[in-house]
Protein backbone atom coordinates (compact mmCIF):
# COMPACT_ATOMS: atom_id res chain seq x y z
CA MET A 1 -25.48 28.55 8.78
CA SER A 2 -22.79 26.55 7.01
CA THR A 3 -23.06 22.80 7.52
CA ALA A 4 -20.55 20.01 7.17
CA ALA A 5 -22.25 18.92 3.95
CA ASP A 6 -21.99 22.44 2.56
CA ALA A 7 -18.30 22.53 3.41
CA ILE A 8 -17.74 19.34 1.47
CA SER A 9 -19.72 20.25 -1.61
CA ARG A 10 -18.63 23.87 -2.00
CA PRO A 11 -15.25 24.12 -3.75
CA ASP A 12 -12.98 26.99 -2.78
CA SER A 13 -11.04 28.31 -5.76
CA ARG A 14 -8.75 30.34 -3.52
CA LEU A 15 -7.61 27.77 -1.02
CA PRO A 16 -4.78 29.32 1.03
CA LYS A 17 -1.52 27.52 1.71
CA ALA A 18 -2.69 26.80 5.25
CA SER A 19 -5.73 24.91 3.91
CA ALA A 20 -3.52 22.89 1.58
CA LYS A 21 -1.24 21.96 4.47
CA ILE A 22 -4.19 20.98 6.67
CA ALA A 23 -5.59 18.81 3.88
CA LEU A 24 -2.20 17.18 3.33
CA THR A 25 -1.80 16.54 7.07
CA LEU A 26 -5.21 14.86 7.28
CA LEU A 27 -4.54 12.71 4.22
CA VAL A 28 -1.14 11.66 5.57
CA LEU A 29 -2.71 10.66 8.91
CA ILE A 30 -5.42 8.68 7.13
CA ASN A 31 -2.83 6.95 4.96
CA LEU A 32 -0.89 6.14 8.13
CA PHE A 33 -3.89 4.35 9.68
CA ASN A 34 -4.68 2.81 6.31
CA TYR A 35 -1.43 0.85 6.42
CA ILE A 36 -1.57 0.22 10.17
CA ASP A 37 -4.87 -1.56 9.56
CA ARG A 38 -3.41 -3.56 6.68
CA GLN A 39 -0.24 -4.78 8.39
CA ILE A 40 -1.74 -5.67 11.76
CA LEU A 41 -2.95 -8.80 9.99
CA SER A 42 0.62 -9.82 9.15
CA ALA A 43 1.77 -9.22 12.73
CA VAL A 44 -0.89 -11.45 14.30
CA GLU A 45 -1.21 -14.00 11.49
CA SER A 46 0.46 -16.77 13.52
CA ASN A 47 -1.83 -16.13 16.51
CA MET A 48 -4.89 -16.12 14.26
CA GLU A 49 -3.78 -19.41 12.74
CA GLU A 50 -3.79 -21.01 16.20
CA THR A 51 -7.35 -19.76 16.75
CA PHE A 52 -8.88 -20.99 13.51
CA PHE A 53 -6.59 -24.00 12.92
CA PRO A 54 -5.68 -25.25 16.43
CA GLU A 55 -2.86 -27.77 16.73
CA ALA A 56 -5.20 -30.25 18.38
CA ASP A 57 -7.06 -30.56 15.08
CA TYR A 58 -4.25 -29.64 12.69
CA PRO A 59 -1.00 -31.10 14.13
CA ARG A 60 2.56 -30.12 13.21
CA ASP A 61 5.48 -32.25 12.12
CA PRO A 62 7.52 -32.69 15.34
CA GLU A 63 10.81 -32.17 13.50
CA THR A 64 10.08 -29.32 11.08
CA LYS A 65 7.38 -27.60 13.20
CA LEU A 66 5.36 -27.23 9.97
CA ARG A 67 1.69 -28.15 9.65
CA LEU A 68 0.92 -31.56 8.24
CA ASP A 69 -2.05 -30.00 6.42
CA LYS A 70 -0.30 -28.22 3.54
CA THR A 71 -3.31 -26.02 2.71
CA ILE A 72 -3.38 -23.97 5.92
CA GLU A 73 -0.73 -21.44 4.97
CA GLY A 74 -2.42 -20.89 1.63
CA GLN A 75 -5.69 -20.19 3.46
CA MET A 76 -3.99 -17.71 5.80
CA GLY A 77 -2.42 -15.99 2.80
CA SER A 78 -5.90 -15.73 1.26
CA LEU A 79 -6.90 -13.25 4.00
CA ASN A 80 -4.66 -10.66 2.41
CA SER A 81 -5.99 -11.62 -1.01
CA ALA A 82 -9.57 -11.18 0.26
CA PHE A 83 -8.81 -7.59 1.20
CA MET A 84 -6.98 -6.93 -2.05
CA PHE A 85 -9.59 -8.36 -4.39
CA SER A 86 -12.43 -6.37 -2.84
CA TYR A 87 -10.23 -3.26 -2.77
CA ILE A 88 -9.22 -3.44 -6.40
CA LEU A 89 -12.63 -4.45 -7.75
CA ILE A 90 -14.47 -1.61 -5.98
CA ALA A 91 -11.79 1.07 -6.50
CA PRO A 92 -12.76 1.81 -10.15
CA LEU A 93 -16.34 2.53 -9.05
CA PHE A 94 -15.16 5.06 -6.49
CA GLY A 95 -12.73 6.48 -9.03
CA LEU A 96 -15.63 7.23 -11.39
CA LEU A 97 -17.63 8.75 -8.54
CA ALA A 98 -14.70 10.89 -7.41
CA ASP A 99 -14.49 12.48 -10.87
CA ARG A 100 -18.09 13.66 -10.37
CA VAL A 101 -18.92 14.12 -6.67
CA PRO A 102 -17.25 15.80 -3.65
CA ARG A 103 -14.11 13.82 -2.91
CA TRP A 104 -13.85 14.54 0.81
CA LEU A 105 -17.32 13.03 1.26
CA LEU A 106 -16.16 9.78 -0.34
CA VAL A 107 -12.96 9.73 1.71
CA GLY A 108 -14.85 10.30 4.98
CA ILE A 109 -17.37 7.56 4.27
CA GLY A 110 -14.59 5.17 3.29
CA VAL A 111 -12.50 5.80 6.43
CA VAL A 112 -15.48 5.33 8.76
CA PHE A 113 -16.54 2.15 6.95
CA TRP A 114 -13.11 0.49 6.95
CA SER A 115 -12.55 1.40 10.63
CA LEU A 116 -15.78 -0.36 11.60
CA ALA A 117 -14.87 -3.33 9.40
CA THR A 118 -11.46 -3.54 11.09
CA GLY A 119 -13.19 -3.76 14.46
CA ALA A 120 -15.45 -6.48 13.05
CA THR A 121 -12.33 -8.50 12.15
CA GLY A 122 -11.64 -8.84 15.86
CA LEU A 123 -15.16 -10.16 16.45
CA ALA A 124 -14.93 -12.96 13.87
CA GLU A 125 -15.57 -16.43 15.31
CA THR A 126 -15.17 -18.47 12.12
CA PHE A 127 -12.68 -18.31 9.28
CA VAL A 128 -15.46 -17.54 6.78
CA VAL A 129 -16.58 -14.51 8.79
CA LEU A 130 -12.96 -13.44 9.18
CA PHE A 131 -12.53 -13.66 5.40
CA LEU A 132 -15.64 -11.54 4.82
CA THR A 133 -14.53 -8.81 7.25
CA ARG A 134 -11.26 -8.45 5.35
CA CYS A 135 -13.31 -8.04 2.17
CA LEU A 136 -15.27 -5.23 3.83
CA VAL A 137 -12.06 -3.49 4.91
CA GLY A 138 -11.05 -3.52 1.26
CA VAL A 139 -14.34 -1.91 0.22
CA GLY A 140 -13.82 0.94 2.69
CA GLU A 141 -10.25 1.57 1.63
CA ALA A 142 -11.32 1.58 -2.04
CA ALA A 143 -13.22 4.80 -1.36
CA TYR A 144 -9.97 6.42 -0.25
CA GLY A 145 -7.12 4.96 -2.30
CA PRO A 146 -7.85 6.43 -5.75
CA VAL A 147 -9.23 9.72 -4.39
CA ALA A 148 -6.61 11.10 -1.98
CA PRO A 149 -3.79 11.59 -4.54
CA THR A 150 -6.09 13.64 -6.78
CA VAL A 151 -6.82 16.08 -3.95
CA ILE A 152 -3.08 16.53 -3.41
CA ALA A 153 -2.51 17.03 -7.15
CA ASP A 154 -5.10 19.83 -7.19
CA LEU A 155 -3.53 21.58 -4.19
CA PHE A 156 0.16 21.53 -5.18
CA PRO A 157 1.85 22.53 -8.48
CA VAL A 158 3.80 20.12 -10.69
CA SER A 159 7.13 21.60 -9.51
CA LYS A 160 6.44 20.52 -5.90
CA ARG A 161 4.29 17.50 -6.54
CA GLY A 162 7.04 14.87 -6.38
CA SER A 163 8.19 15.91 -2.90
CA VAL A 164 4.62 16.31 -1.62
CA MET A 165 3.58 12.92 -3.00
CA ALA A 166 6.67 11.40 -1.36
CA LEU A 167 5.58 12.88 1.98
CA PHE A 168 2.07 11.49 1.53
CA TYR A 169 3.31 8.04 0.59
CA ALA A 170 5.91 8.06 3.37
CA ALA A 171 2.96 7.10 5.55
CA ILE A 172 3.07 3.67 3.89
CA PRO A 173 6.30 2.41 5.53
CA VAL A 174 5.59 4.24 8.78
CA GLY A 175 2.04 2.88 8.99
CA SER A 176 3.17 -0.60 7.94
CA ALA A 177 5.87 -0.61 10.62
CA LEU A 178 3.45 0.62 13.27
CA GLY A 179 1.04 -2.11 12.20
CA TYR A 180 3.69 -4.81 12.68
CA VAL A 181 4.77 -3.39 16.04
CA LEU A 182 1.32 -2.47 17.34
CA GLY A 183 -0.15 -5.81 16.37
CA GLY A 184 2.60 -7.75 18.10
CA VAL A 185 2.77 -5.61 21.25
CA VAL A 186 -0.99 -5.37 21.80
CA THR A 187 -1.41 -9.10 21.26
CA HIS A 188 1.39 -9.80 23.74
CA LEU A 189 -0.09 -7.43 26.35
CA ALA A 190 -3.50 -9.04 25.84
CA GLY A 191 -2.06 -12.43 26.72
CA GLY A 192 -1.97 -13.67 23.14
CA ASP A 193 -5.47 -12.43 22.25
CA TRP A 194 -4.97 -11.04 18.72
CA ARG A 195 -8.46 -9.51 18.62
CA TRP A 196 -7.43 -6.46 20.66
CA ALA A 197 -4.92 -5.48 17.98
CA PHE A 198 -7.88 -4.74 15.69
CA TYR A 199 -10.05 -3.11 18.35
CA VAL A 200 -7.54 -0.41 19.36
CA VAL A 201 -7.32 1.18 15.89
CA VAL A 202 -11.06 1.74 15.51
CA PRO A 203 -11.50 4.98 17.57
CA PRO A 204 -8.74 7.02 15.85
CA GLY A 205 -9.97 5.84 12.46
CA LEU A 206 -13.50 7.04 13.20
CA LEU A 207 -12.22 10.45 14.35
CA LEU A 208 -10.21 10.92 11.14
CA GLY A 209 -13.21 9.91 9.06
CA LEU A 210 -15.46 12.47 10.77
CA TRP A 211 -12.82 15.18 10.27
CA CYS A 212 -13.10 14.63 6.50
CA PHE A 213 -16.71 15.81 6.56
CA LEU A 214 -15.51 19.29 7.60
CA MET A 215 -13.09 19.71 4.68
CA ARG A 216 -13.66 21.69 1.46
CA ASP A 217 -13.10 20.11 -1.92
CA PRO A 218 -10.56 21.99 -4.09
CA PRO A 219 -11.63 22.66 -7.69
CA ARG A 220 -10.33 20.01 -10.07
CA GLY A 221 -7.33 21.37 -11.93
CA LEU A 222 -6.68 24.15 -9.39
CA ALA A 223 -2.91 23.65 -9.64
CA GLU A 224 -2.92 23.69 -13.47
CA ALA A 225 -3.93 27.13 -14.70
CA SER A 226 -4.36 25.86 -18.25
CA ALA A 227 -6.55 22.91 -17.36
CA VAL A 228 -10.08 22.90 -18.74
CA VAL A 229 -12.14 21.09 -16.13
CA ARG A 230 -15.20 19.33 -17.51
CA LYS A 231 -17.18 16.20 -16.97
CA PRO A 232 -15.16 13.27 -18.34
CA SER A 233 -16.43 11.17 -21.21
CA LEU A 234 -15.77 7.58 -22.22
CA ALA A 235 -13.23 8.84 -24.75
CA ASP A 236 -11.31 10.54 -21.93
CA TYR A 237 -10.95 7.23 -20.12
CA ARG A 238 -9.75 5.49 -23.27
CA LEU A 239 -7.17 8.24 -23.65
CA ILE A 240 -5.66 7.34 -20.27
CA LEU A 241 -4.80 3.87 -21.53
CA LYS A 242 -3.26 5.35 -24.68
CA THR A 243 -0.78 7.44 -22.68
CA PRO A 244 2.62 5.64 -22.83
CA SER A 245 3.93 7.01 -19.51
CA TYR A 246 0.78 5.88 -17.72
CA LEU A 247 1.04 2.37 -19.17
CA PHE A 248 4.74 1.89 -18.40
CA THR A 249 4.31 3.28 -14.88
CA THR A 250 1.44 0.91 -14.20
CA LEU A 251 3.18 -2.14 -15.64
CA GLY A 252 6.29 -1.46 -13.57
CA MET A 253 4.26 -0.83 -10.42
CA THR A 254 2.45 -4.13 -10.99
CA ALA A 255 5.71 -6.08 -11.05
CA MET A 256 7.03 -4.18 -8.02
CA THR A 257 3.79 -4.68 -6.05
CA PHE A 258 3.84 -8.40 -6.80
CA ALA A 259 7.27 -8.73 -5.20
CA LEU A 260 6.88 -6.26 -2.33
CA GLY A 261 3.38 -7.32 -1.30
CA GLY A 262 4.19 -11.00 -1.09
CA MET A 263 7.42 -10.57 0.85
CA ALA A 264 5.99 -7.95 3.21
CA PHE A 265 3.07 -10.18 4.20
CA TRP A 266 5.24 -13.20 4.99
CA MET A 267 8.37 -11.50 6.37
CA PRO A 268 7.32 -11.76 10.06
CA ARG A 269 6.70 -15.50 9.63
CA TYR A 270 9.91 -15.85 7.59
CA GLY A 271 12.01 -14.14 10.25
CA VAL A 272 10.64 -16.49 12.90
CA GLN A 273 11.05 -19.66 10.79
CA ARG A 274 14.68 -18.84 10.00
CA GLN A 275 15.48 -18.54 13.73
CA LEU A 276 13.46 -21.45 15.14
CA VAL A 277 15.31 -24.05 17.19
CA ALA A 278 13.88 -27.56 17.57
CA ASP A 279 13.58 -27.51 21.38
CA MET A 280 12.06 -24.02 21.69
CA THR A 281 9.16 -23.71 24.13
CA SER A 282 5.88 -21.98 23.25
CA GLU A 283 6.89 -19.02 25.41
CA GLU A 284 10.23 -18.71 23.64
CA ILE A 285 8.52 -18.83 20.24
CA SER A 286 6.09 -16.12 21.37
CA THR A 287 9.00 -13.94 22.49
CA LEU A 288 10.75 -14.54 19.17
CA ARG A 289 7.64 -13.40 17.29
CA ILE A 290 7.58 -10.16 19.28
CA GLN A 291 11.26 -9.55 18.57
CA VAL A 292 10.86 -10.20 14.84
CA ASN A 293 7.87 -7.86 14.60
CA LEU A 294 9.77 -5.12 16.44
CA VAL A 295 12.92 -5.48 14.35
CA PHE A 296 11.06 -5.71 11.06
CA GLY A 297 8.81 -2.81 12.04
CA LEU A 298 11.81 -0.64 12.87
CA ILE A 299 13.49 -1.58 9.59
CA VAL A 300 10.38 -0.76 7.55
CA VAL A 301 9.80 2.60 9.21
CA VAL A 302 13.41 3.78 8.89
CA SER A 303 14.25 2.36 5.46
CA GLY A 304 10.80 2.93 4.02
CA LEU A 305 10.50 6.49 5.28
CA GLY A 306 14.03 7.28 4.15
CA GLY A 307 13.63 5.63 0.75
CA THR A 308 10.27 7.27 0.04
CA VAL A 309 11.30 10.79 1.04
CA VAL A 310 14.77 10.66 -0.52
CA GLY A 311 13.37 9.16 -3.72
CA GLY A 312 10.88 11.99 -4.10
CA ILE A 313 13.45 14.71 -3.39
CA VAL A 314 16.11 13.22 -5.68
CA ALA A 315 13.62 12.79 -8.53
CA ASP A 316 12.35 16.38 -8.16
CA ARG A 317 15.89 17.78 -8.23
CA LEU A 318 16.92 15.72 -11.26
CA LYS A 319 13.70 16.53 -13.11
CA ALA A 320 14.98 19.91 -14.37
CA ARG A 321 18.20 18.39 -15.77
CA ILE A 322 17.21 14.89 -16.89
CA PRO A 323 14.06 14.22 -18.94
CA GLY A 324 12.29 11.21 -17.53
CA ALA A 325 14.08 11.50 -14.16
CA TYR A 326 11.11 10.02 -12.28
CA PHE A 327 11.35 6.84 -14.36
CA LEU A 328 15.15 6.72 -14.24
CA VAL A 329 15.39 7.02 -10.46
CA SER A 330 12.72 4.34 -9.97
CA ALA A 331 14.30 1.91 -12.45
CA ILE A 332 17.77 2.11 -10.93
CA ALA A 333 16.58 1.76 -7.34
CA ILE A 334 14.44 -1.32 -7.86
CA ALA A 335 17.13 -3.04 -9.93
CA VAL A 336 19.56 -2.52 -7.03
CA ALA A 337 16.98 -3.98 -4.61
CA PHE A 338 17.02 -7.42 -6.24
CA PRO A 339 20.54 -8.53 -5.19
CA PHE A 340 19.81 -7.36 -1.65
CA VAL A 341 16.79 -9.68 -1.58
CA LEU A 342 19.00 -12.57 -2.72
CA CYS A 343 21.53 -11.78 0.01
CA THR A 344 18.72 -11.92 2.59
CA LEU A 345 17.86 -15.47 1.54
CA VAL A 346 21.40 -16.82 1.99
CA THR A 347 22.58 -14.82 5.02
CA PRO A 348 21.96 -16.15 8.56
CA PHE A 349 19.83 -14.08 10.92
CA PRO A 350 20.31 -11.61 12.57
CA ALA A 351 22.88 -10.45 9.97
CA ALA A 352 20.24 -10.90 7.25
CA TRP A 353 18.32 -7.93 8.67
CA ILE A 354 20.98 -5.65 7.15
CA PHE A 355 20.03 -6.79 3.65
CA VAL A 356 16.33 -6.56 4.49
CA PHE A 357 16.95 -2.90 5.39
CA LEU A 358 18.81 -2.18 2.14
CA ALA A 359 16.20 -3.97 0.02
CA CYS A 360 13.34 -2.06 1.67
CA PHE A 361 15.13 1.27 1.17
CA CYS A 362 15.48 0.61 -2.56
CA LEU A 363 11.97 -0.82 -2.98
CA PHE A 364 10.36 2.27 -1.44
CA PHE A 365 12.55 4.68 -3.43
CA ASN A 366 10.10 4.70 -6.36
CA THR A 367 6.93 5.40 -4.36
CA GLY A 368 6.91 9.18 -4.74
CA PRO A 369 8.16 9.35 -8.35
CA THR A 370 5.83 6.70 -9.80
CA ASN A 371 2.69 8.10 -8.19
CA THR A 372 3.71 11.60 -9.27
CA ILE A 373 3.94 10.33 -12.85
CA LEU A 374 0.35 9.11 -12.61
CA ALA A 375 -0.82 12.55 -11.48
CA ASN A 376 1.29 14.49 -13.97
CA VAL A 377 0.34 12.63 -17.16
CA THR A 378 -3.45 12.49 -16.65
CA HIS A 379 -6.07 15.20 -17.14
CA PRO A 380 -7.44 16.70 -13.88
CA SER A 381 -10.98 15.66 -14.76
CA THR A 382 -10.04 11.96 -14.95
CA ARG A 383 -7.27 11.65 -12.34
CA ALA A 384 -9.34 9.73 -9.81
CA SER A 385 -10.30 7.17 -12.43
CA ALA A 386 -6.68 6.98 -13.61
CA PHE A 387 -5.51 6.19 -10.07
CA ALA A 388 -8.39 3.72 -9.67
CA MET A 389 -7.44 1.84 -12.85
CA ASN A 390 -3.85 1.80 -11.66
CA ILE A 391 -4.96 0.33 -8.32
CA LEU A 392 -7.04 -2.32 -10.09
CA ILE A 393 -4.18 -3.45 -12.32
CA ILE A 394 -1.24 -3.34 -9.91
CA HIS A 395 -3.04 -5.13 -7.09
CA LEU A 396 -5.07 -7.61 -9.16
CA LEU A 397 -1.87 -8.85 -10.80
CA GLY A 398 0.38 -8.00 -7.84
CA ASP A 399 -0.09 -8.37 -4.10
CA ALA A 400 -3.59 -9.82 -4.37
CA ILE A 401 -2.02 -13.09 -5.50
CA SER A 402 1.64 -13.12 -4.42
CA PRO A 403 1.03 -13.79 -0.66
CA THR A 404 -1.10 -16.80 -1.56
CA ILE A 405 1.53 -18.03 -4.03
CA ILE A 406 4.28 -17.81 -1.40
CA GLY A 407 2.03 -19.52 1.15
CA ILE A 408 1.27 -22.42 -1.19
CA ILE A 409 4.92 -22.83 -2.20
CA ASN A 410 6.00 -22.80 1.45
CA GLY A 411 3.25 -25.23 2.45
CA TYR A 412 4.41 -27.84 -0.04
CA SER A 413 8.16 -27.20 -0.06
CA GLY A 414 8.69 -26.29 3.59
CA ASN A 415 11.18 -23.67 2.38
CA MET A 416 9.99 -20.06 2.18
CA ASN A 417 13.22 -19.10 0.38
CA ILE A 418 11.79 -20.73 -2.74
CA GLY A 419 8.63 -18.64 -2.57
CA PHE A 420 10.56 -15.42 -1.95
CA LEU A 421 12.90 -16.16 -4.83
CA ALA A 422 9.97 -16.86 -7.15
CA VAL A 423 8.36 -13.45 -6.60
CA SER A 424 11.40 -11.22 -6.07
CA GLY A 425 12.62 -11.61 -9.65
CA THR A 426 9.80 -9.32 -10.79
CA CYS A 427 11.86 -6.40 -9.43
CA LEU A 428 13.91 -6.62 -12.63
CA VAL A 429 10.73 -6.69 -14.71
CA ALA A 430 9.64 -3.43 -13.05
CA SER A 431 12.98 -1.82 -13.84
CA PHE A 432 12.64 -2.83 -17.50
CA PHE A 433 9.21 -1.21 -17.90
CA TRP A 434 10.30 2.02 -16.20
CA ILE A 435 13.32 2.29 -18.49
CA LEU A 436 10.96 2.04 -21.47
CA GLY A 437 8.93 4.94 -20.09
CA ILE A 438 11.80 7.43 -19.83
CA LYS A 439 11.57 8.82 -23.37
CA HIS A 440 7.80 9.45 -23.14
CA LEU A 441 7.49 11.23 -19.79
CA GLU A 442 8.36 14.82 -20.70
CA ARG A 443 5.94 15.00 -23.63
CA ASP A 444 3.11 13.23 -21.77
CA THR A 445 3.48 15.66 -18.85
CA GLU A 446 3.31 18.70 -21.14
CA LEU A 447 0.20 17.45 -22.94
CA ALA A 448 -1.76 16.25 -19.89
CA PRO A 449 -3.44 19.53 -18.73
CA THR A 450 -4.98 20.24 -22.14
CA ARG A 451 -5.19 16.75 -23.59
CA THR A 452 -8.58 15.93 -25.11
CA PRO A 453 -9.73 12.89 -27.06
CA PRO A 454 -9.78 13.11 -30.87
């Protein structure tokens, strides 16, 4: 009798289209809950602050409504950094494992683990325990992040990979938006108890994790007929870092992640701060928080979904006519995003939401193309490690530190515009690196399936 373990460990070299679609559907759903779990924290951050730093012990300035203790916002920002640092430090380990062991097994274990850790976040009674639970969520997601794209790359050919990757990564804005909305709504329905926002996502996460144990692992390199699949060596991993397209993609993604991660974490708080009135009651502030989460969530899901899908489709269609189209599309879009961010900072709310929408659309435009580049320019036997190294670099130097930087700047300046301005300029840095990568992409893509170290 075939067991779940057998199904995981036995590759099927003739996976039908239906199996590929089922695998893609499952990975998209997991990615959806991945980002729901991440962004719930942003939605309930203000409520959590009241629990762990109550006003009775940490009073506010009666005029500015800001905390007199300037370190609190930096500590709240560190919760996102806790998740990110554990995620990026563990991801390379799982990347190495995924190049050698059944990938669906790793994904299933990771999803179950992070779902349980998310539930544990709601049980935290001290800030230290809360910090540790966010670290554990990062460990679980590290077993999934570098692995899932490699499964997709083995199931779909290069000609379709950009659009398929865009569909997979479209779960990022949708999941993020649902996290903002779900966190705010559940907390409101629970009478301000933020813990229920973490509890409700545990059961579906566990079900998705168990589903993974029933999936079959596709052979590495299935989509590349010319690929010679073998156990990777140390020289293979060094070769990844010598691939120009990989380096320029990663450097640009690092700059983009620095800007996007910091602004996304603090946007709910920013939207509330910009609309606060001195004589607002606690109930009015609570209602404003719900409204901001709903509006921002709607903006992220519409602009993010649209930008991700359209970016992937446009890049795929231009690929046949323009060498380096994936880089070109990404570079133009993120350069256009920067002035929209500036307009957000100087435009009164609610009109500023228009520029938030336009900035988000442009920022998500590169998601499909850049991740497709990573898959296309690396050998099938080392793809998981290539994605893991990318995760390590872009998050370690990106959104693992930018939320804390914005929080510290806001705590001392009392003006979040300064923090947003400080990090948003890296959009132009990302555009610069992606422009440099254009001339290398076509050759790196052609060499990837058969590339071997000297």
